Amino acid sequence: MSEVAENPVVSPEAELPSPTSVPENASLSVRLVTLLVIIGPLLGVLSAPLFVWGWGFDWTDFGLLLTMYVLTALGITVGFHRLFVHRSFETYTWVKFIWAILGSMAVQGSLFQWVGLHRRHHQFYDTPQDPHTPHHQGSGVLYLLRGFWHAHLGWFFVKDPPDLDRYVKDLNASKPLRVASALFPLWVDLGLALPAILGGVIARSWGGFWTGMIWGGLVRVFLVHHVTWSVNSACHLWGRQPYKSNDMSRNNALFGILALEEGWHNTHHAFQLPLVTDSGGGRSTRAIG
């Protein structure tokens, strides 16, 4: 059984901007380039073990890489996204704390920062106010590629909106979650130290320690990063749109698998849950997912 939530969901106070026209689809060539840009580095990292198997990569390293990938990717999709952003389910506070740690180990920002930006994304999806839309960068192939870069990781170099705190009022009301978010650097270090320590203990050598950190730590972070960021970039450019939505979100089977279901992005955007508003606890007609 799950405990009753102590605080209501608090929605952002800002209203949505006036409706804008739906951005044009990217050309087929741009979508193919997008796919190659994402798949190329991933294939390089995935093929690396074949060349170092037996001396720089073995079953212990593979197990650490796979385990840490699944745990931290779930920390993003189940923890940060479904539990904290969308309040899709309720659970005990100690379970929330664990999900906050696992999501933080993915090294994509603190709990409050990640949730605030993602709620803003859903409020302003594919408008100029969306933090990481690949659109609104101009027209033509060059601008669409620049949009892909911005959506994939360029937006990390943009200053966070000054009003981000109002998107996480419900989470900020919980002291354990405030602690979990504030200790983000500790969870990042722990996510690198755990596979290193386990690798050293299992292999009984310093070599196992360092390969555990490389594969279960650094390479795992690289994979989780680019797979997750591809939901922002590729899944707004390349894939299918089986459902009508007011944005350019796409269902992408590849990232539906690699991102542990996050790639079914058009479905996610098309069937969004209404917000619970600040005033009166009633449900708004606006949606956040």
Protein backbone atom coordinates (compact mmCIF):
# COMPACT_ATOMS: atom_id res chain seq x y z
CA MET A 1 0.00 0.00 0.00
CA SER A 2 1.14 3.53 -0.64
CA GLU A 3 0.87 6.41 1.72
CA VAL A 4 -1.37 9.37 0.98
CA ALA A 5 0.43 12.33 -0.53
CA GLU A 6 0.98 15.06 2.05
CA ASN A 7 0.91 17.92 -0.43
CA PRO A 8 -1.20 18.61 -3.50
CA VAL A 9 0.39 18.94 -6.90
CA VAL A 10 1.27 22.57 -7.44
CA SER A 11 1.14 23.70 -11.03
CA PRO A 12 3.09 26.54 -12.60
CA GLU A 13 1.26 29.83 -12.21
CA ALA A 14 2.04 31.20 -15.67
CA GLU A 15 -0.56 30.81 -18.36
CA LEU A 16 0.22 29.22 -21.69
CA PRO A 17 1.11 31.59 -24.50
CA SER A 18 -1.35 32.27 -27.27
CA PRO A 19 -1.69 29.31 -29.67
CA THR A 20 0.91 29.29 -32.42
CA SER A 21 1.07 27.46 -35.70
CA VAL A 22 2.44 23.95 -35.64
CA PRO A 23 6.12 23.93 -36.78
CA GLU A 24 6.83 22.44 -40.19
CA ASN A 25 8.18 18.90 -40.43
CA ALA A 26 11.89 18.55 -40.92
CA SER A 27 12.91 17.22 -44.33
CA LEU A 28 13.71 13.54 -44.76
CA SER A 29 17.41 14.34 -45.26
CA VAL A 30 17.57 16.25 -41.98
CA ARG A 31 15.83 13.45 -40.13
CA LEU A 32 18.30 10.93 -41.58
CA VAL A 33 21.24 13.12 -40.54
CA THR A 34 19.71 13.40 -37.07
CA LEU A 35 19.53 9.63 -36.85
CA LEU A 36 23.16 9.22 -37.98
CA VAL A 37 24.40 11.85 -35.50
CA ILE A 38 22.76 9.96 -32.66
CA ILE A 39 23.47 6.40 -33.79
CA GLY A 40 27.12 6.97 -34.80
CA PRO A 41 28.60 7.75 -31.36
CA LEU A 42 26.39 5.12 -29.73
CA LEU A 43 27.61 2.45 -32.15
CA GLY A 44 31.19 3.54 -31.46
CA VAL A 45 30.78 3.13 -27.72
CA LEU A 46 28.88 -0.14 -28.08
CA SER A 47 31.53 -1.60 -30.42
CA ALA A 48 34.45 -0.60 -28.18
CA PRO A 49 34.08 -3.67 -25.92
CA LEU A 50 34.66 -5.96 -28.93
CA PHE A 51 38.16 -4.52 -29.34
CA VAL A 52 39.16 -4.57 -25.67
CA TRP A 53 37.39 -7.75 -24.57
CA GLY A 54 39.55 -9.81 -22.25
CA TRP A 55 41.98 -7.07 -21.22
CA GLY A 56 39.91 -3.89 -20.82
CA PHE A 57 36.38 -5.25 -20.77
CA ASP A 58 34.97 -8.53 -19.47
CA TRP A 59 31.73 -9.98 -18.08
CA THR A 60 32.13 -8.07 -14.81
CA ASP A 61 32.44 -4.76 -16.68
CA PHE A 62 29.50 -5.69 -18.91
CA GLY A 63 27.37 -6.52 -15.89
CA LEU A 64 28.25 -3.25 -14.17
CA LEU A 65 27.57 -1.26 -17.36
CA LEU A 66 24.19 -2.92 -17.95
CA THR A 67 23.09 -2.76 -14.30
CA MET A 68 24.04 0.88 -13.81
CA TYR A 69 22.49 1.81 -17.17
CA VAL A 70 19.14 0.23 -16.29
CA LEU A 71 19.09 1.62 -12.74
CA THR A 72 19.93 5.20 -13.70
CA ALA A 73 17.80 5.21 -16.88
CA LEU A 74 14.87 4.03 -14.75
CA GLY A 75 15.80 6.75 -12.28
CA ILE A 76 15.05 9.23 -15.07
CA THR A 77 12.01 7.63 -16.70
CA VAL A 78 10.23 6.22 -13.65
CA GLY A 79 11.63 8.52 -10.97
CA PHE A 80 12.27 12.02 -12.28
CA HIS A 81 9.75 11.85 -15.14
CA ARG A 82 6.74 9.73 -14.15
CA LEU A 83 6.86 10.08 -10.37
CA PHE A 84 8.12 13.62 -9.79
CA VAL A 85 7.17 15.55 -12.95
CA HIS A 86 3.81 13.98 -13.73
CA ARG A 87 2.78 12.47 -10.40
CA SER A 88 1.67 9.34 -12.27
CA PHE A 89 1.72 7.28 -9.08
CA GLU A 90 2.15 7.71 -5.34
CA THR A 91 4.54 5.86 -3.04
CA TYR A 92 6.34 6.02 0.29
CA THR A 93 8.73 8.88 1.03
CA TRP A 94 11.72 6.55 1.38
CA VAL A 95 10.96 5.06 -2.04
CA LYS A 96 10.79 8.59 -3.51
CA PHE A 97 14.17 9.31 -1.95
CA ILE A 98 15.68 6.24 -3.66
CA TRP A 99 14.20 7.26 -7.02
CA ALA A 100 15.63 10.75 -6.52
CA ILE A 101 19.10 9.24 -5.92
CA LEU A 102 18.92 6.98 -8.98
CA GLY A 103 17.74 9.84 -11.20
CA SER A 104 20.52 12.08 -9.89
CA MET A 105 23.11 9.39 -10.69
CA ALA A 106 22.22 9.89 -14.37
CA VAL A 107 24.01 13.27 -14.07
CA GLN A 108 21.35 15.36 -15.82
CA GLY A 109 20.82 17.95 -13.11
CA SER A 110 19.38 18.01 -9.63
CA LEU A 111 15.86 16.74 -8.94
CA PHE A 112 14.30 20.21 -8.68
CA GLN A 113 16.11 21.56 -11.75
CA TRP A 114 15.17 18.55 -13.91
CA VAL A 115 11.52 18.56 -12.84
CA GLY A 116 11.17 22.33 -13.22
CA LEU A 117 12.58 22.38 -16.74
CA HIS A 118 10.55 19.38 -17.85
CA ARG A 119 7.31 20.81 -16.51
CA ARG A 120 8.11 24.00 -18.37
CA HIS A 121 8.73 21.90 -21.50
CA HIS A 122 5.25 20.41 -21.20
CA GLN A 123 3.65 23.76 -20.55
CA PHE A 124 5.23 25.39 -23.62
CA TYR A 125 5.96 22.35 -25.81
CA ASP A 126 7.50 23.28 -29.18
CA THR A 127 6.93 27.01 -28.69
CA PRO A 128 9.81 29.49 -28.30
CA GLN A 129 9.37 29.24 -24.49
CA ASP A 130 10.08 25.49 -24.56
CA PRO A 131 13.59 25.05 -23.04
CA HIS A 132 14.70 22.42 -25.55
CA THR A 133 12.54 22.45 -28.66
CA PRO A 134 14.47 21.80 -31.90
CA HIS A 135 12.21 24.22 -33.75
CA HIS A 136 12.05 28.06 -34.03
CA GLN A 137 15.69 28.30 -35.13
CA GLY A 138 14.81 29.61 -38.58
CA SER A 139 14.19 27.76 -41.84
CA GLY A 140 16.37 25.57 -44.01
CA VAL A 141 18.65 22.61 -43.36
CA LEU A 142 21.28 24.62 -41.46
CA TYR A 143 18.76 26.05 -39.03
CA LEU A 144 17.08 22.70 -38.50
CA LEU A 145 20.44 21.13 -37.70
CA ARG A 146 21.12 23.99 -35.30
CA GLY A 147 17.74 23.25 -33.76
CA PHE A 148 18.74 19.62 -33.33
CA TRP A 149 21.95 20.66 -31.59
CA HIS A 150 20.02 22.99 -29.27
CA ALA A 151 17.44 20.33 -28.40
CA HIS A 152 20.03 17.62 -27.87
CA LEU A 153 22.50 19.41 -25.61
CA GLY A 154 22.88 23.07 -26.61
CA TRP A 155 20.14 24.10 -24.20
CA PHE A 156 22.39 23.09 -21.30
CA PHE A 157 24.46 26.18 -22.07
CA VAL A 158 21.45 28.47 -21.71
CA LYS A 159 20.71 30.03 -18.34
CA ASP A 160 17.76 28.48 -16.50
CA PRO A 161 14.54 30.54 -16.42
CA PRO A 162 14.50 32.78 -13.31
CA ASP A 163 11.04 31.52 -12.29
CA LEU A 164 11.94 27.82 -12.24
CA ASP A 165 11.14 27.46 -8.51
CA ARG A 166 7.42 27.90 -9.06
CA TYR A 167 7.32 24.70 -11.09
CA VAL A 168 8.44 22.59 -8.10
CA LYS A 169 6.40 24.01 -5.20
CA ASP A 170 4.92 20.59 -4.46
CA LEU A 171 8.35 18.95 -4.26
CA ASN A 172 9.84 21.83 -2.29
CA ALA A 173 7.20 21.26 0.41
CA SER A 174 8.87 17.91 1.23
CA LYS A 175 12.00 18.13 3.39
CA PRO A 176 13.37 14.72 2.27
CA LEU A 177 13.07 15.78 -1.38
CA ARG A 178 14.75 19.11 -0.64
CA VAL A 179 17.64 17.16 0.88
CA ALA A 180 17.75 14.72 -2.05
CA SER A 181 17.90 17.58 -4.56
CA ALA A 182 20.51 19.55 -2.60
CA LEU A 183 22.81 16.50 -2.37
CA PHE A 184 22.98 16.09 -6.15
CA PRO A 185 26.84 16.25 -6.25
CA LEU A 186 27.01 13.44 -3.68
CA TRP A 187 24.75 11.17 -5.76
CA VAL A 188 26.84 11.86 -8.86
CA ASP A 189 30.00 10.80 -7.02
CA LEU A 190 28.22 7.75 -5.63
CA GLY A 191 27.12 6.72 -9.13
CA LEU A 192 30.77 6.65 -10.20
CA ALA A 193 32.14 5.13 -7.02
CA LEU A 194 29.72 2.19 -6.74
CA PRO A 195 30.67 0.40 -9.99
CA ALA A 196 34.34 1.14 -9.32
CA ILE A 197 34.22 -0.38 -5.84
CA LEU A 198 32.18 -3.36 -7.02
CA GLY A 199 34.54 -3.90 -9.94
CA GLY A 200 37.55 -3.83 -7.63
CA VAL A 201 35.97 -6.20 -5.11
CA ILE A 202 34.80 -8.71 -7.73
CA ALA A 203 38.09 -8.68 -9.66
CA ARG A 204 40.17 -8.30 -6.49
CA SER A 205 42.40 -5.83 -8.25
CA TRP A 206 42.90 -2.13 -8.90
CA GLY A 207 42.43 -2.91 -12.57
CA GLY A 208 38.89 -4.05 -11.82
CA PHE A 209 38.35 -0.83 -9.85
CA TRP A 210 39.33 1.38 -12.79
CA THR A 211 37.51 -0.59 -15.51
CA GLY A 212 34.43 -0.66 -13.25
CA MET A 213 34.53 3.13 -13.04
CA ILE A 214 35.08 3.48 -16.79
CA TRP A 215 32.32 1.14 -17.98
CA GLY A 216 29.81 1.22 -15.13
CA GLY A 217 30.47 4.92 -14.50
CA LEU A 218 31.72 7.10 -17.36
CA VAL A 219 30.57 5.08 -20.39
CA ARG A 220 27.22 4.42 -18.72
CA VAL A 221 26.73 8.17 -18.13
CA PHE A 222 27.57 8.83 -21.81
CA LEU A 223 24.99 6.31 -23.02
CA VAL A 224 22.23 7.44 -20.66
CA HIS A 225 22.91 11.08 -21.53
CA HIS A 226 22.65 10.72 -25.28
CA VAL A 227 19.75 8.29 -25.24
CA THR A 228 17.76 10.59 -22.93
CA TRP A 229 18.67 13.75 -24.84
CA SER A 230 17.60 12.06 -28.06
CA VAL A 231 14.03 12.11 -26.74
CA ASN A 232 14.28 15.92 -26.84
CA SER A 233 15.90 16.06 -30.28
CA ALA A 234 15.22 12.97 -32.40
CA CYS A 235 11.76 12.34 -30.98
CA HIS A 236 10.68 15.83 -32.06
CA LEU A 237 12.12 15.33 -35.57
CA TRP A 238 12.13 11.69 -36.58
CA GLY A 239 9.49 9.00 -36.12
CA ARG A 240 5.74 8.45 -36.38
CA GLN A 241 2.83 10.61 -35.21
CA PRO A 242 -0.06 8.16 -34.75
CA TYR A 243 -1.92 10.60 -32.48
CA LYS A 244 -2.86 14.23 -32.92
CA SER A 245 -1.00 16.63 -30.63
CA ASN A 246 -0.23 20.34 -30.65
CA ASP A 247 3.49 19.81 -31.14
CA MET A 248 6.01 17.89 -33.21
CA SER A 249 6.54 14.99 -30.80
CA ARG A 250 7.16 11.61 -32.46
CA ASN A 251 7.04 7.95 -31.53
CA ASN A 252 10.50 6.52 -32.17
CA ALA A 253 10.80 2.75 -31.72
CA LEU A 254 14.59 2.81 -31.32
CA PHE A 255 14.46 5.18 -28.37
CA GLY A 256 11.30 3.55 -27.10
CA ILE A 257 13.60 0.62 -26.34
CA LEU A 258 16.88 2.33 -25.47
CA ALA A 259 15.23 4.98 -23.28
CA LEU A 260 13.04 2.38 -21.55
CA GLU A 261 9.74 3.61 -23.09
CA GLU A 262 10.50 7.36 -23.20
CA GLY A 263 10.74 7.21 -26.99
CA TRP A 264 6.97 6.81 -27.38
CA HIS A 265 6.92 10.58 -27.22
CA ASN A 266 3.93 11.40 -29.40
CA THR A 267 1.78 9.06 -27.33
CA HIS A 268 3.05 10.72 -24.18
CA HIS A 269 2.25 14.23 -25.42
CA ALA A 270 -1.10 13.30 -26.97
CA PHE A 271 -2.50 11.76 -23.79
CA GLN A 272 -1.52 14.24 -21.10
CA LEU A 273 -3.02 14.48 -17.65
CA PRO A 274 -4.59 17.81 -16.59
CA LEU A 275 -2.77 19.95 -14.08
CA VAL A 276 -3.87 20.32 -10.48
CA THR A 277 -3.95 24.08 -10.05
CA ASP A 278 -2.64 26.15 -7.16
CA SER A 279 -6.00 27.64 -6.39
CA GLY A 280 -8.66 25.42 -4.92
CA GLY A 281 -7.06 22.14 -5.92
CA GLY A 282 -9.30 21.84 -8.99
CA ARG A 283 -8.14 20.46 -12.31
CA SER A 284 -7.18 22.83 -15.05
CA THR A 285 -7.79 22.41 -18.76
CA ARG A 286 -4.05 22.87 -19.31
CA ALA A 287 -1.96 19.74 -19.35
CA ILE A 288 1.52 18.76 -18.31
CA GLY A 289 1.59 15.05 -19.00
